[in-house]
Amino acid sequence: MKSKVLFSLLALFVVTGTSQAAGDADAGQAKAQVCFSCHGVNGNSVNPIWPKLAGQHAGYTAKQLADFKAGDQRNNPLMMGQVMSLSPQDMADLAAFFAKQKPSPGSADEAKISMGEKLYRGGNMATGVSACIACHGPTGAGNPAAKYPMLSGQHAAYTVQTLKDFRSVTRKNDPGKMMQNIAARMTDAEIEAVSSYMQGLH
């Protein structure tokens, strides 16, 4: 009997200890004022090197903010300065706000669609590059439960840099080194093609 009670208490501790705080989108809007200068008032950034946050899964965004603050898996001096004073609740609120915003569509470079679509939907079996569709879905909507981000409409320039950062292990906050291993097998041309394709995916 004692062991059952102990197990139940331990399970409760694990569940509550790893759960994320629920975000308040209204509170997040008030806290997001400083974010707007780079990411846009509605999370659709104008500068293509800064990611669109509109419509991104809240769990994914909150994790990125936490990783920026920790600095060991995703190191960015600009973002680290922005997140240092944020609490987990602040991060959840910001993520909830941006998740509720409507993402703006993008368009793909016609010259890169053929290669980009092949990589996104089928990967490259010869070099071991996995198909993006397996985790990010046929329309690039991602998987919120697994914290796989929405890629539909994301700036190609930002995605190119992200994949190159994974390839160089400058960024390493992906589960099980999944993206690091995929990007390590990709050429610059493949990275540019699939990034452009995803920018126009919807």
C-alpha atoms as a PDB file:
ATOM      1  CA  MET A   1       0.000   0.000   0.000  1.00  0.00           C
ATOM      2  CA  LYS A   2       2.795   2.409   0.933  1.00  0.00           C
ATOM      3  CA  SER A   3       4.533   1.732  -2.361  1.00  0.00           C
ATOM      4  CA  LYS A   4       1.348   2.535  -4.299  1.00  0.00           C
ATOM      5  CA  VAL A   5       0.924   5.829  -2.463  1.00  0.00           C
ATOM      6  CA  LEU A   6       4.580   6.700  -2.997  1.00  0.00           C
ATOM      7  CA  PHE A   7       4.306   5.885  -6.703  1.00  0.00           C
ATOM      8  CA  SER A   8       1.169   8.020  -7.029  1.00  0.00           C
ATOM      9  CA  LEU A   9       2.831  10.980  -5.330  1.00  0.00           C
ATOM     10  CA  LEU A  10       5.919  10.585  -7.501  1.00  0.00           C
ATOM     11  CA  ALA A  11       3.789  10.462 -10.661  1.00  0.00           C
ATOM     12  CA  LEU A  12       1.913  13.582  -9.563  1.00  0.00           C
ATOM     13  CA  PHE A  13       5.203  15.391  -8.941  1.00  0.00           C
ATOM     14  CA  VAL A  14       6.540  14.431 -12.382  1.00  0.00           C
ATOM     15  CA  VAL A  15       3.384  15.555 -14.163  1.00  0.00           C
ATOM     16  CA  THR A  16       3.088  18.870 -12.368  1.00  0.00           C
ATOM     17  CA  GLY A  17       6.820  19.495 -12.481  1.00  0.00           C
ATOM     18  CA  THR A  18       7.064  19.177 -16.243  1.00  0.00           C
ATOM     19  CA  SER A  19       3.814  20.836 -17.253  1.00  0.00           C
ATOM     20  CA  GLN A  20       3.957  24.316 -18.719  1.00  0.00           C
ATOM     21  CA  ALA A  21       2.023  27.238 -17.353  1.00  0.00           C
ATOM     22  CA  ALA A  22      -1.071  28.091 -19.368  1.00  0.00           C
ATOM     23  CA  GLY A  23      -0.539  31.258 -21.362  1.00  0.00           C
ATOM     24  CA  ASP A  24      -2.810  34.294 -21.284  1.00  0.00           C
ATOM     25  CA  ALA A  25      -2.933  35.885 -24.744  1.00  0.00           C
ATOM     26  CA  ASP A  26      -4.245  39.218 -23.428  1.00  0.00           C
ATOM     27  CA  ALA A  27      -1.409  39.453 -20.927  1.00  0.00           C
ATOM     28  CA  GLY A  28       0.966  38.399 -23.689  1.00  0.00           C
ATOM     29  CA  GLN A  29      -0.138  41.253 -25.926  1.00  0.00           C
ATOM     30  CA  ALA A  30       0.801  43.780 -23.264  1.00  0.00           C
ATOM     31  CA  LYS A  31       4.170  42.095 -22.758  1.00  0.00           C
ATOM     32  CA  ALA A  32       4.868  41.812 -26.493  1.00  0.00           C
ATOM     33  CA  GLN A  33       5.379  45.527 -27.132  1.00  0.00           C
ATOM     34  CA  VAL A  34       9.153  45.123 -27.156  1.00  0.00           C
ATOM     35  CA  CYS A  35       8.865  42.216 -29.624  1.00  0.00           C
ATOM     36  CA  PHE A  36       6.961  44.253 -32.208  1.00  0.00           C
ATOM     37  CA  SER A  37       9.950  46.224 -33.467  1.00  0.00           C
ATOM     38  CA  CYS A  38      11.488  43.060 -34.947  1.00  0.00           C
ATOM     39  CA  HIS A  39       8.627  40.590 -35.263  1.00  0.00           C
ATOM     40  CA  GLY A  40       5.821  42.947 -36.238  1.00  0.00           C
ATOM     41  CA  VAL A  41       2.713  44.052 -34.352  1.00  0.00           C
ATOM     42  CA  ASN A  42       0.866  40.897 -35.358  1.00  0.00           C
ATOM     43  CA  GLY A  43       3.906  38.615 -35.440  1.00  0.00           C
ATOM     44  CA  ASN A  44       4.450  38.900 -39.199  1.00  0.00           C
ATOM     45  CA  SER A  45       7.929  40.357 -39.406  1.00  0.00           C
ATOM     46  CA  VAL A  46       8.899  42.469 -42.406  1.00  0.00           C
ATOM     47  CA  ASN A  47      12.624  41.741 -42.259  1.00  0.00           C
ATOM     48  CA  PRO A  48      13.123  38.202 -43.659  1.00  0.00           C
ATOM     49  CA  ILE A  49      15.988  37.385 -41.290  1.00  0.00           C
ATOM     50  CA  TRP A  50      13.635  37.651 -38.298  1.00  0.00           C
ATOM     51  CA  PRO A  51      11.056  34.860 -38.042  1.00  0.00           C
ATOM     52  CA  LYS A  52       7.333  35.238 -38.319  1.00  0.00           C
ATOM     53  CA  LEU A  53       5.769  34.307 -34.975  1.00  0.00           C
ATOM     54  CA  ALA A  54       2.119  34.683 -35.985  1.00  0.00           C
ATOM     55  CA  GLY A  55       0.240  31.404 -35.717  1.00  0.00           C
ATOM     56  CA  GLN A  56       3.251  29.516 -34.355  1.00  0.00           C
ATOM     57  CA  HIS A  57       2.390  26.826 -31.816  1.00  0.00           C
ATOM     58  CA  ALA A  58       2.524  28.259 -28.310  1.00  0.00           C
ATOM     59  CA  GLY A  59       4.454  25.325 -26.869  1.00  0.00           C
ATOM     60  CA  TYR A  60       7.150  25.666 -29.500  1.00  0.00           C
ATOM     61  CA  THR A  61       7.520  29.425 -29.041  1.00  0.00           C
ATOM     62  CA  ALA A  62       7.663  29.140 -25.258  1.00  0.00           C
ATOM     63  CA  LYS A  63      10.392  26.488 -25.566  1.00  0.00           C
ATOM     64  CA  GLN A  64      12.458  28.700 -27.867  1.00  0.00           C
ATOM     65  CA  LEU A  65      12.243  31.593 -25.421  1.00  0.00           C
ATOM     66  CA  ALA A  66      13.355  29.326 -22.582  1.00  0.00           C
ATOM     67  CA  ASP A  67      16.220  27.985 -24.714  1.00  0.00           C
ATOM     68  CA  PHE A  68      17.356  31.499 -25.584  1.00  0.00           C
ATOM     69  CA  LYS A  69      17.409  32.350 -21.891  1.00  0.00           C
ATOM     70  CA  ALA A  70      19.411  29.231 -21.019  1.00  0.00           C
ATOM     71  CA  GLY A  71      21.825  30.035 -23.843  1.00  0.00           C
ATOM     72  CA  ASP A  72      23.561  26.674 -24.048  1.00  0.00           C
ATOM     73  CA  GLN A  73      21.459  25.086 -26.797  1.00  0.00           C
ATOM     74  CA  ARG A  74      20.377  28.159 -28.723  1.00  0.00           C
ATOM     75  CA  ASN A  75      22.726  31.083 -28.339  1.00  0.00           C
ATOM     76  CA  ASN A  76      21.680  34.447 -29.760  1.00  0.00           C
ATOM     77  CA  PRO A  77      22.991  37.594 -28.026  1.00  0.00           C
ATOM     78  CA  LEU A  78      20.105  39.767 -29.240  1.00  0.00           C
ATOM     79  CA  MET A  79      17.417  37.363 -28.067  1.00  0.00           C
ATOM     80  CA  MET A  80      19.228  36.525 -24.853  1.00  0.00           C
ATOM     81  CA  GLY A  81      19.112  40.174 -23.889  1.00  0.00           C
ATOM     82  CA  GLN A  82      15.377  40.279 -24.557  1.00  0.00           C
ATOM     83  CA  VAL A  83      14.467  37.171 -22.555  1.00  0.00           C
ATOM     84  CA  MET A  84      16.709  37.424 -19.503  1.00  0.00           C
ATOM     85  CA  SER A  85      14.022  39.082 -17.381  1.00  0.00           C
ATOM     86  CA  LEU A  86      11.174  36.855 -18.579  1.00  0.00           C
ATOM     87  CA  SER A  87       9.583  34.330 -16.236  1.00  0.00           C
ATOM     88  CA  PRO A  88       8.090  31.043 -17.481  1.00  0.00           C
ATOM     89  CA  GLN A  89       4.665  32.679 -17.189  1.00  0.00           C
ATOM     90  CA  ASP A  90       5.810  35.636 -19.295  1.00  0.00           C
ATOM     91  CA  MET A  91       7.034  33.223 -21.957  1.00  0.00           C
ATOM     92  CA  ALA A  92       3.757  31.295 -21.918  1.00  0.00           C
ATOM     93  CA  ASP A  93       1.772  34.534 -22.222  1.00  0.00           C
ATOM     94  CA  LEU A  94       3.856  35.799 -25.143  1.00  0.00           C
ATOM     95  CA  ALA A  95       3.597  32.438 -26.885  1.00  0.00           C
ATOM     96  CA  ALA A  96      -0.191  32.379 -26.409  1.00  0.00           C
ATOM     97  CA  PHE A  97      -0.530  35.865 -27.888  1.00  0.00           C
ATOM     98  CA  PHE A  98       1.510  35.141 -31.009  1.00  0.00           C
ATOM     99  CA  ALA A  99      -0.213  31.780 -31.508  1.00  0.00           C
ATOM    100  CA  LYS A 100      -3.549  33.596 -31.868  1.00  0.00           C
ATOM    101  CA  GLN A 101      -2.310  35.936 -34.603  1.00  0.00           C
ATOM    102  CA  LYS A 102      -3.000  35.228 -38.268  1.00  0.00           C
ATOM    103  CA  PRO A 103       0.139  34.341 -40.243  1.00  0.00           C
ATOM    104  CA  SER A 104       0.692  36.074 -43.568  1.00  0.00           C
ATOM    105  CA  PRO A 105       1.208  33.818 -46.609  1.00  0.00           C
ATOM    106  CA  GLY A 106       4.467  33.724 -48.492  1.00  0.00           C
ATOM    107  CA  SER A 107       5.506  32.706 -51.988  1.00  0.00           C
ATOM    108  CA  ALA A 108       8.166  30.383 -53.349  1.00  0.00           C
ATOM    109  CA  ASP A 109      10.799  31.083 -55.978  1.00  0.00           C
ATOM    110  CA  GLU A 110       9.505  29.318 -59.105  1.00  0.00           C
ATOM    111  CA  ALA A 111      13.029  28.185 -59.983  1.00  0.00           C
ATOM    112  CA  LYS A 112      13.380  26.367 -56.657  1.00  0.00           C
ATOM    113  CA  ILE A 113       9.950  24.738 -56.329  1.00  0.00           C
ATOM    114  CA  SER A 114      10.788  21.453 -58.067  1.00  0.00           C
ATOM    115  CA  MET A 115      13.807  20.606 -55.895  1.00  0.00           C
ATOM    116  CA  GLY A 116      12.193  22.068 -52.791  1.00  0.00           C
ATOM    117  CA  GLU A 117       9.022  20.014 -53.157  1.00  0.00           C
ATOM    118  CA  LYS A 118      10.968  16.803 -53.758  1.00  0.00           C
ATOM    119  CA  LEU A 119      12.997  17.363 -50.599  1.00  0.00           C
ATOM    120  CA  TYR A 120      10.027  18.414 -48.493  1.00  0.00           C
ATOM    121  CA  ARG A 121       7.828  15.511 -49.563  1.00  0.00           C
ATOM    122  CA  GLY A 122      10.349  12.770 -50.268  1.00  0.00           C
ATOM    123  CA  GLY A 123      13.700  13.776 -48.813  1.00  0.00           C
ATOM    124  CA  ASN A 124      16.882  12.569 -50.484  1.00  0.00           C
ATOM    125  CA  MET A 125      17.277   8.822 -50.051  1.00  0.00           C
ATOM    126  CA  ALA A 126      20.748   8.822 -51.609  1.00  0.00           C
ATOM    127  CA  THR A 127      22.183  11.073 -48.896  1.00  0.00           C
ATOM    128  CA  GLY A 128      19.871  10.162 -46.023  1.00  0.00           C
ATOM    129  CA  VAL A 129      17.956  13.445 -45.859  1.00  0.00           C
ATOM    130  CA  SER A 130      14.559  12.761 -44.296  1.00  0.00           C
ATOM    131  CA  ALA A 131      11.367  14.184 -45.770  1.00  0.00           C
ATOM    132  CA  CYS A 132      10.189  17.300 -43.939  1.00  0.00           C
ATOM    133  CA  ILE A 133       6.567  16.251 -44.373  1.00  0.00           C
ATOM    134  CA  ALA A 134       6.975  13.457 -41.809  1.00  0.00           C
ATOM    135  CA  CYS A 135       7.200  15.914 -38.901  1.00  0.00           C
ATOM    136  CA  HIS A 136       5.901  19.192 -40.319  1.00  0.00           C
ATOM    137  CA  GLY A 137       2.901  17.856 -42.221  1.00  0.00           C
ATOM    138  CA  PRO A 138       1.679  18.188 -45.831  1.00  0.00           C
ATOM    139  CA  THR A 139       0.877  21.897 -45.484  1.00  0.00           C
ATOM    140  CA  GLY A 140       3.716  22.804 -43.130  1.00  0.00           C
ATOM    141  CA  ALA A 141       1.375  23.119 -40.147  1.00  0.00           C
ATOM    142  CA  GLY A 142       3.775  21.301 -37.821  1.00  0.00           C
ATOM    143  CA  ASN A 143       2.855  19.213 -34.793  1.00  0.00           C
ATOM    144  CA  PRO A 144       2.030  21.171 -31.631  1.00  0.00           C
ATOM    145  CA  ALA A 145       2.001  18.113 -29.356  1.00  0.00           C
ATOM    146  CA  ALA A 146       5.561  17.217 -30.377  1.00  0.00           C
ATOM    147  CA  LYS A 147       6.632  20.905 -30.492  1.00  0.00           C
ATOM    148  CA  TYR A 148       7.481  20.627 -34.193  1.00  0.00           C
ATOM    149  CA  PRO A 149       7.050  24.150 -35.568  1.00  0.00           C
ATOM    150  CA  MET A 150       4.724  25.423 -38.239  1.00  0.00           C
ATOM    151  CA  LEU A 151       6.842  26.188 -41.320  1.00  0.00           C
ATOM    152  CA  SER A 152       4.141  27.354 -43.714  1.00  0.00           C
ATOM    153  CA  GLY A 153       4.881  30.883 -44.937  1.00  0.00           C
ATOM    154  CA  GLN A 154       8.039  31.283 -42.858  1.00  0.00           C
ATOM    155  CA  HIS A 155      10.660  33.584 -44.381  1.00  0.00           C
ATOM    156  CA  ALA A 156      13.033  31.578 -46.574  1.00  0.00           C
ATOM    157  CA  ALA A 157      16.029  33.636 -45.442  1.00  0.00           C
ATOM    158  CA  TYR A 158      15.314  32.810 -41.809  1.00  0.00           C
ATOM    159  CA  THR A 159      14.850  29.105 -42.544  1.00  0.00           C
ATOM    160  CA  VAL A 160      18.074  28.994 -44.569  1.00  0.00           C
ATOM    161  CA  GLN A 161      19.984  30.436 -41.631  1.00  0.00           C
ATOM    162  CA  THR A 162      18.256  28.072 -39.203  1.00  0.00           C
ATOM    163  CA  LEU A 163      19.194  24.984 -41.206  1.00  0.00           C
ATOM    164  CA  LYS A 164      22.779  26.197 -41.566  1.00  0.00           C
ATOM    165  CA  ASP A 165      22.930  26.818 -37.817  1.00  0.00           C
ATOM    166  CA  PHE A 166      21.783  23.249 -37.190  1.00  0.00           C
ATOM    167  CA  ARG A 167      24.329  21.996 -39.726  1.00  0.00           C
ATOM    168  CA  SER A 168      27.180  23.837 -38.020  1.00  0.00           C
ATOM    169  CA  VAL A 169      25.823  22.898 -34.564  1.00  0.00           C
ATOM    170  CA  THR A 170      25.578  26.595 -33.730  1.00  0.00           C
ATOM    171  CA  ARG A 171      22.011  25.702 -32.806  1.00  0.00           C
ATOM    172  CA  LYS A 172      21.400  22.417 -31.016  1.00  0.00           C
ATOM    173  CA  ASN A 173      18.041  22.588 -29.233  1.00  0.00           C
ATOM    174  CA  ASP A 174      16.384  19.980 -31.445  1.00  0.00           C
ATOM    175  CA  PRO A 175      15.186  16.742 -29.788  1.00  0.00           C
ATOM    176  CA  GLY A 176      17.580  13.857 -30.333  1.00  0.00           C
ATOM    177  CA  LYS A 177      19.747  15.950 -32.681  1.00  0.00           C
ATOM    178  CA  MET A 178      17.089  15.324 -35.316  1.00  0.00           C
ATOM    179  CA  MET A 179      17.545  18.555 -37.241  1.00  0.00           C
ATOM    180  CA  GLN A 180      21.304  18.589 -36.762  1.00  0.00           C
ATOM    181  CA  ASN A 181      21.549  15.151 -38.396  1.00  0.00           C
ATOM    182  CA  ILE A 182      19.273  16.103 -41.282  1.00  0.00           C
ATOM    183  CA  ALA A 183      20.923  19.463 -41.987  1.00  0.00           C
ATOM    184  CA  ALA A 184      24.391  17.899 -41.862  1.00  0.00           C
ATOM    185  CA  ARG A 185      23.499  15.929 -45.002  1.00  0.00           C
ATOM    186  CA  MET A 186      22.063  18.875 -46.937  1.00  0.00           C
ATOM    187  CA  THR A 187      23.852  20.985 -49.524  1.00  0.00           C
ATOM    188  CA  ASP A 188      23.464  24.757 -49.680  1.00  0.00           C
ATOM    189  CA  ALA A 189      21.335  24.354 -52.806  1.00  0.00           C
ATOM    190  CA  GLU A 190      19.013  21.915 -51.048  1.00  0.00           C
ATOM    191  CA  ILE A 191      18.687  24.181 -48.017  1.00  0.00           C
ATOM    192  CA  GLU A 192      17.821  27.166 -50.189  1.00  0.00           C
ATOM    193  CA  ALA A 193      15.341  25.190 -52.306  1.00  0.00           C
ATOM    194  CA  VAL A 194      13.389  23.624 -49.459  1.00  0.00           C
ATOM    195  CA  SER A 195      13.365  26.898 -47.514  1.00  0.00           C
ATOM    196  CA  SER A 196      11.890  28.710 -50.495  1.00  0.00           C
ATOM    197  CA  TYR A 197       9.325  25.943 -50.997  1.00  0.00           C
ATOM    198  CA  MET A 198       8.214  26.172 -47.364  1.00  0.00           C
ATOM    199  CA  GLN A 199       7.867  29.941 -47.645  1.00  0.00           C
ATOM    200  CA  GLY A 200       5.176  29.369 -50.277  1.00  0.00           C
ATOM    201  CA  LEU A 201       3.633  26.301 -48.627  1.00  0.00           C
ATOM    202  CA  HIS A 202       0.074  26.538 -47.286  1.00  0.00           C
END
